[in-house]
């Protein structure tokens, strides 16, 4: 019975998917948005690496961290 109900629910969804007309053209990425994303991504990666590198020295000294 569960399989029947699952199939009965999936039938309208698959029929709706088949009834779609021609696919819409893909959206072009705006170059300014892409540049901003790359700058922010690289910046966060550099800052994260710097924070890890900076804290590495504190752990090796054996000093307790506040």
PDB file of N, CA and C in Angstrom:
ATOM      1  N   UNK A   1       0.816  -1.194   0.000  1.00  0.00           N
ATOM      2  CA  UNK A   1       0.000   0.000   0.000  1.00  0.00           C
ATOM      3  C   UNK A   1       0.858   1.254   0.000  1.00  0.00           C
ATOM      4  N   UNK A   2       1.985   1.213   0.768  1.00  0.00           N
ATOM      5  CA  UNK A   2       2.858   2.378   0.814  1.00  0.00           C
ATOM      6  C   UNK A   2       3.474   2.656  -0.561  1.00  0.00           C
ATOM      7  N   UNK A   3       3.839   1.595  -1.257  1.00  0.00           N
ATOM      8  CA  UNK A   3       4.420   1.774  -2.596  1.00  0.00           C
ATOM      9  C   UNK A   3       3.394   2.370  -3.551  1.00  0.00           C
ATOM     10  N   UNK A   4       2.174   1.950  -3.416  1.00  0.00           N
ATOM     11  CA  UNK A   4       1.115   2.471  -4.278  1.00  0.00           C
ATOM     12  C   UNK A   4       0.896   3.962  -4.034  1.00  0.00           C
ATOM     13  N   UNK A   5       0.854   4.350  -2.758  1.00  0.00           N
ATOM     14  CA  UNK A   5       0.661   5.764  -2.432  1.00  0.00           C
ATOM     15  C   UNK A   5       1.851   6.616  -2.888  1.00  0.00           C
ATOM     16  N   UNK A   6       3.060   6.097  -2.729  1.00  0.00           N
ATOM     17  CA  UNK A   6       4.238   6.832  -3.173  1.00  0.00           C
ATOM     18  C   UNK A   6       4.215   7.009  -4.695  1.00  0.00           C
ATOM     19  N   UNK A   7       3.839   5.965  -5.413  1.00  0.00           N
ATOM     20  CA  UNK A   7       3.741   6.056  -6.868  1.00  0.00           C
ATOM     21  C   UNK A   7       2.631   6.988  -7.302  1.00  0.00           C
ATOM     22  N   UNK A   8       1.545   6.979  -6.555  1.00  0.00           N
ATOM     23  CA  UNK A   8       0.415   7.850  -6.873  1.00  0.00           C
ATOM     24  C   UNK A   8       0.782   9.319  -6.667  1.00  0.00           C
ATOM     25  N   UNK A   9       1.599   9.599  -5.658  1.00  0.00           N
ATOM     26  CA  UNK A   9       2.046  10.977  -5.428  1.00  0.00           C
ATOM     27  C   UNK A   9       3.094  11.402  -6.457  1.00  0.00           C
ATOM     28  N   UNK A  10       3.927  10.482  -6.915  1.00  0.00           N
ATOM     29  CA  UNK A  10       4.978  10.811  -7.860  1.00  0.00           C
ATOM     30  C   UNK A  10       4.437  10.986  -9.274  1.00  0.00           C
ATOM     31  N   UNK A  11       3.303  10.390  -9.581  1.00  0.00           N
ATOM     32  CA  UNK A  11       2.751  10.463 -10.929  1.00  0.00           C
ATOM     33  C   UNK A  11       2.433  11.895 -11.376  1.00  0.00           C
ATOM     34  N   UNK A  12       1.740  12.713 -10.596  1.00  0.00           N
ATOM     35  CA  UNK A  12       1.490  14.087 -11.044  1.00  0.00           C
ATOM     36  C   UNK A  12       2.760  14.917 -11.175  1.00  0.00           C
ATOM     37  N   UNK A  13       3.720  14.643 -10.298  1.00  0.00           N
ATOM     38  CA  UNK A  13       4.974  15.397 -10.387  1.00  0.00           C
ATOM     39  C   UNK A  13       5.728  15.063 -11.667  1.00  0.00           C
ATOM     40  N   UNK A  14       5.773  13.807 -12.018  1.00  0.00           N
ATOM     41  CA  UNK A  14       6.471  13.435 -13.247  1.00  0.00           C
ATOM     42  C   UNK A  14       5.714  13.928 -14.476  1.00  0.00           C
ATOM     43  N   UNK A  15       4.395  13.928 -14.408  1.00  0.00           N
ATOM     44  CA  UNK A  15       3.611  14.442 -15.527  1.00  0.00           C
ATOM     45  C   UNK A  15       3.838  15.944 -15.697  1.00  0.00           C
ATOM     46  N   UNK A  16       3.943  16.656 -14.585  1.00  0.00           N
ATOM     47  CA  UNK A  16       4.204  18.096 -14.654  1.00  0.00           C
ATOM     48  C   UNK A  16       5.587  18.365 -15.239  1.00  0.00           C
ATOM     49  N   UNK A  17       6.561  17.546 -14.875  1.00  0.00           N
ATOM     50  CA  UNK A  17       7.918  17.727 -15.388  1.00  0.00           C
ATOM     51  C   UNK A  17       7.961  17.464 -16.898  1.00  0.00           C
ATOM     52  N   UNK A  18       7.169  16.523 -17.376  1.00  0.00           N
ATOM     53  CA  UNK A  18       7.154  16.213 -18.798  1.00  0.00           C
ATOM     54  C   UNK A  18       6.427  17.276 -19.606  1.00  0.00           C
ATOM     55  N   UNK A  19       5.503  18.006 -18.970  1.00  0.00           N
ATOM     56  CA  UNK A  19       4.700  18.972 -19.712  1.00  0.00           C
ATOM     57  C   UNK A  19       5.385  20.320 -19.890  1.00  0.00           C
ATOM     58  N   UNK A  20       6.577  20.493 -19.357  1.00  0.00           N
ATOM     59  CA  UNK A  20       7.287  21.765 -19.488  1.00  0.00           C
ATOM     60  C   UNK A  20       7.678  21.986 -20.943  1.00  0.00           C
ATOM     61  N   UNK A  21       7.616  23.236 -21.358  1.00  0.00           N
ATOM     62  CA  UNK A  21       7.993  23.570 -22.730  1.00  0.00           C
ATOM     63  C   UNK A  21       9.513  23.656 -22.842  1.00  0.00           C
ATOM     64  N   UNK A  22       9.990  24.334 -23.871  1.00  0.00           N
ATOM     65  CA  UNK A  22      11.429  24.426 -24.121  1.00  0.00           C
ATOM     66  C   UNK A  22      12.144  25.002 -22.901  1.00  0.00           C
ATOM     67  N   UNK A  23      13.323  24.508 -22.600  1.00  0.00           N
ATOM     68  CA  UNK A  23      14.050  25.017 -21.425  1.00  0.00           C
ATOM     69  C   UNK A  23      14.466  26.472 -21.618  1.00  0.00           C
ATOM     70  N   UNK A  24      14.491  27.185 -20.515  1.00  0.00           N
ATOM     71  CA  UNK A  24      14.888  28.588 -20.569  1.00  0.00           C
ATOM     72  C   UNK A  24      16.395  28.677 -20.758  1.00  0.00           C
ATOM     73  N   UNK A  25      16.850  29.740 -21.413  1.00  0.00           N
ATOM     74  CA  UNK A  25      18.306  29.875 -21.591  1.00  0.00           C
ATOM     75  C   UNK A  25      18.982  30.123 -20.238  1.00  0.00           C
ATOM     76  N   UNK A  26      20.210  29.658 -20.062  1.00  0.00           N
ATOM     77  CA  UNK A  26      20.895  29.853 -18.787  1.00  0.00           C
ATOM     78  C   UNK A  26      21.183  31.338 -18.541  1.00  0.00           C
ATOM     79  N   UNK A  27      21.209  31.705 -17.280  1.00  0.00           N
ATOM     80  CA  UNK A  27      21.475  33.093 -16.905  1.00  0.00           C
ATOM     81  C   UNK A  27      22.970  33.326 -16.965  1.00  0.00           C
ATOM     82  N   UNK A  28      23.357  34.397 -17.623  1.00  0.00           N
ATOM     83  CA  UNK A  28      24.768  34.758 -17.729  1.00  0.00           C
ATOM     84  C   UNK A  28      25.242  35.364 -16.414  1.00  0.00           C
ATOM     85  N   UNK A  29      26.423  34.972 -15.974  1.00  0.00           N
ATOM     86  CA  UNK A  29      26.986  35.524 -14.748  1.00  0.00           C
ATOM     87  C   UNK A  29      27.485  36.938 -15.022  1.00  0.00           C
ATOM     88  N   UNK A  30      27.160  37.865 -14.131  1.00  0.00           N
ATOM     89  CA  UNK A  30      27.603  39.248 -14.289  1.00  0.00           C
ATOM     90  C   UNK A  30      29.067  39.340 -13.880  1.00  0.00           C
ATOM     91  N   UNK A  31      29.916  39.965 -14.693  1.00  0.00           N
ATOM     92  CA  UNK A  31      31.350  39.963 -14.381  1.00  0.00           C
ATOM     93  C   UNK A  31      31.693  40.693 -13.081  1.00  0.00           C
ATOM     94  N   UNK A  32      30.963  41.732 -12.729  1.00  0.00           N
ATOM     95  CA  UNK A  32      31.281  42.460 -11.497  1.00  0.00           C
ATOM     96  C   UNK A  32      30.997  41.574 -10.285  1.00  0.00           C
ATOM     97  N   UNK A  33      29.890  40.861 -10.308  1.00  0.00           N
ATOM     98  CA  UNK A  33      29.575  39.960  -9.210  1.00  0.00           C
ATOM     99  C   UNK A  33      30.599  38.854  -9.069  1.00  0.00           C
ATOM    100  N   UNK A  34      31.065  38.341 -10.192  1.00  0.00           N
ATOM    101  CA  UNK A  34      32.083  37.287 -10.165  1.00  0.00           C
ATOM    102  C   UNK A  34      33.389  37.817  -9.593  1.00  0.00           C
ATOM    103  N   UNK A  35      33.778  39.010  -9.982  1.00  0.00           N
ATOM    104  CA  UNK A  35      35.022  39.610  -9.482  1.00  0.00           C
ATOM    105  C   UNK A  35      34.928  39.844  -7.978  1.00  0.00           C
ATOM    106  N   UNK A  36      33.793  40.367  -7.516  1.00  0.00           N
ATOM    107  CA  UNK A  36      33.613  40.609  -6.082  1.00  0.00           C
ATOM    108  C   UNK A  36      33.687  39.292  -5.315  1.00  0.00           C
ATOM    109  N   UNK A  37      33.040  38.244  -5.841  1.00  0.00           N
ATOM    110  CA  UNK A  37      33.089  36.944  -5.181  1.00  0.00           C
ATOM    111  C   UNK A  37      34.522  36.429  -5.092  1.00  0.00           C
ATOM    112  N   UNK A  38      35.276  36.511  -6.171  1.00  0.00           N
ATOM    113  CA  UNK A  38      36.646  35.997  -6.180  1.00  0.00           C
ATOM    114  C   UNK A  38      37.510  36.779  -5.193  1.00  0.00           C
ATOM    115  N   UNK A  39      37.366  38.101  -5.170  1.00  0.00           N
ATOM    116  CA  UNK A  39      38.169  38.924  -4.254  1.00  0.00           C
ATOM    117  C   UNK A  39      37.839  38.576  -2.802  1.00  0.00           C
ATOM    118  N   UNK A  40      36.549  38.454  -2.482  1.00  0.00           N
ATOM    119  CA  UNK A  40      36.166  38.116  -1.115  1.00  0.00           C
ATOM    120  C   UNK A  40      36.621  36.704  -0.744  1.00  0.00           C
ATOM    121  N   UNK A  41      36.474  35.757  -1.644  1.00  0.00           N
ATOM    122  CA  UNK A  41      36.868  34.377  -1.363  1.00  0.00           C
ATOM    123  C   UNK A  41      38.373  34.280  -1.115  1.00  0.00           C
ATOM    124  N   UNK A  42      39.160  34.887  -1.990  1.00  0.00           N
ATOM    125  CA  UNK A  42      40.615  34.847  -1.826  1.00  0.00           C
ATOM    126  C   UNK A  42      41.013  35.593  -0.559  1.00  0.00           C
ATOM    127  N   UNK A  43      40.355  36.724  -0.285  1.00  0.00           N
ATOM    128  CA  UNK A  43      40.661  37.492   0.917  1.00  0.00           C
ATOM    129  C   UNK A  43      40.393  36.693   2.177  1.00  0.00           C
ATOM    130  N   UNK A  44      39.243  36.015   2.245  1.00  0.00           N
ATOM    131  CA  UNK A  44      38.941  35.198   3.415  1.00  0.00           C
ATOM    132  C   UNK A  44      39.933  34.054   3.549  1.00  0.00           C
ATOM    133  N   UNK A  45      40.332  33.450   2.450  1.00  0.00           N
ATOM    134  CA  UNK A  45      41.308  32.354   2.509  1.00  0.00           C
ATOM    135  C   UNK A  45      42.652  32.851   3.028  1.00  0.00           C
ATOM    136  N   UNK A  46      43.086  34.027   2.571  1.00  0.00           N
ATOM    137  CA  UNK A  46      44.361  34.588   3.011  1.00  0.00           C
ATOM    138  C   UNK A  46      44.299  34.941   4.497  1.00  0.00           C
ATOM    139  N   UNK A  47      43.217  35.554   4.930  1.00  0.00           N
ATOM    140  CA  UNK A  47      43.083  35.912   6.342  1.00  0.00           C
ATOM    141  C   UNK A  47      43.039  34.665   7.214  1.00  0.00           C
ATOM    142  N   UNK A  48      42.328  33.630   6.779  1.00  0.00           N
ATOM    143  CA  UNK A  48      42.276  32.389   7.551  1.00  0.00           C
ATOM    144  C   UNK A  48      43.663  31.765   7.669  1.00  0.00           C
ATOM    145  N   UNK A  49      44.399  31.715   6.563  1.00  0.00           N
ATOM    146  CA  UNK A  49      45.751  31.143   6.595  1.00  0.00           C
ATOM    147  C   UNK A  49      46.662  31.970   7.494  1.00  0.00           C
ATOM    148  N   UNK A  50      46.532  33.276   7.460  1.00  0.00           N
ATOM    149  CA  UNK A  50      47.344  34.146   8.305  1.00  0.00           C
ATOM    150  C   UNK A  50      47.026  33.923   9.782  1.00  0.00           C
ATOM    151  N   UNK A  51      45.737  33.777  10.123  1.00  0.00           N
ATOM    152  CA  UNK A  51      45.354  33.545  11.518  1.00  0.00           C
ATOM    153  C   UNK A  51      45.895  32.201  12.006  1.00  0.00           C
ATOM    154  N   UNK A  52      45.837  31.172  11.177  1.00  0.00           N
ATOM    155  CA  UNK A  52      46.365  29.866  11.566  1.00  0.00           C
ATOM    156  C   UNK A  52      47.867  29.950  11.742  1.00  0.00           C
ATOM    157  N   UNK A  53      48.560  30.609  10.828  1.00  0.00           N
ATOM    158  CA  UNK A  53      50.009  30.720  10.891  1.00  0.00           C
ATOM    159  C   UNK A  53      50.428  31.536  12.115  1.00  0.00           C
ATOM    160  N   UNK A  54      49.674  32.581  12.430  1.00  0.00           N
ATOM    161  CA  UNK A  54      49.983  33.436  13.569  1.00  0.00           C
ATOM    162  C   UNK A  54      49.786  32.675  14.877  1.00  0.00           C
ATOM    163  N   UNK A  55      48.738  31.883  14.994  1.00  0.00           N
ATOM    164  CA  UNK A  55      48.460  31.144  16.221  1.00  0.00           C
ATOM    165  C   UNK A  55      49.334  29.910  16.373  1.00  0.00           C
ATOM    166  N   UNK A  56      49.951  29.476  15.294  1.00  0.00           N
ATOM    167  CA  UNK A  56      50.841  28.314  15.375  1.00  0.00           C
ATOM    168  C   UNK A  56      52.021  28.617  16.287  1.00  0.00           C
ATOM    169  N   UNK A  57      52.558  29.828  16.213  1.00  0.00           N
ATOM    170  CA  UNK A  57      53.701  30.205  17.035  1.00  0.00           C
ATOM    171  C   UNK A  57      53.335  30.260  18.512  1.00  0.00           C
ATOM    172  N   UNK A  58      52.143  30.663  18.846  1.00  0.00           N
ATOM    173  CA  UNK A  58      51.723  30.747  20.243  1.00  0.00           C
ATOM    174  C   UNK A  58      51.635  29.363  20.874  1.00  0.00           C
ATOM    175  N   UNK A  59      51.184  28.379  20.150  1.00  0.00           N
ATOM    176  CA  UNK A  59      51.050  27.025  20.686  1.00  0.00           C
ATOM    177  C   UNK A  59      52.425  26.380  20.908  1.00  0.00           C
ATOM    178  N   UNK A  60      53.400  26.697  20.067  1.00  0.00           N
ATOM    179  CA  UNK A  60      54.717  26.099  20.204  1.00  0.00           C
ATOM    180  C   UNK A  60      55.482  26.675  21.387  1.00  0.00           C
ATOM    181  N   UNK A  61      55.187  27.916  21.800  1.00  0.00           N
ATOM    182  CA  UNK A  61      55.887  28.533  22.919  1.00  0.00           C
ATOM    183  C   UNK A  61      55.496  27.899  24.249  1.00  0.00           C
ATOM    184  N   UNK A  62      54.356  27.273  24.313  1.00  0.00           N
ATOM    185  CA  UNK A  62      53.924  26.638  25.558  1.00  0.00           C
ATOM    186  C   UNK A  62      53.253  27.603  26.510  1.00  0.00           C
ATOM    187  N   UNK A  63      53.030  28.826  26.094  1.00  0.00           N
ATOM    188  CA  UNK A  63      52.351  29.798  26.933  1.00  0.00           C
ATOM    189  C   UNK A  63      50.861  29.510  26.956  1.00  0.00           C
ATOM    190  N   UNK A  64      50.221  29.660  28.108  1.00  0.00           N
ATOM    191  CA  UNK A  64      48.770  29.449  28.142  1.00  0.00           C
ATOM    192  C   UNK A  64      48.044  30.545  27.375  1.00  0.00           C
ATOM    193  N   UNK A  65      47.032  30.150  26.678  1.00  0.00           N
ATOM    194  CA  UNK A  65      46.270  31.108  25.891  1.00  0.00           C
ATOM    195  C   UNK A  65      45.202  31.738  26.759  1.00  0.00           C
ATOM    196  N   UNK A  66      44.956  33.045  26.628  1.00  0.00           N
ATOM    197  CA  UNK A  66      43.942  33.698  27.457  1.00  0.00           C
ATOM    198  C   UNK A  66      42.548  33.289  27.066  1.00  0.00           C
TER     199      UNK A  66
END
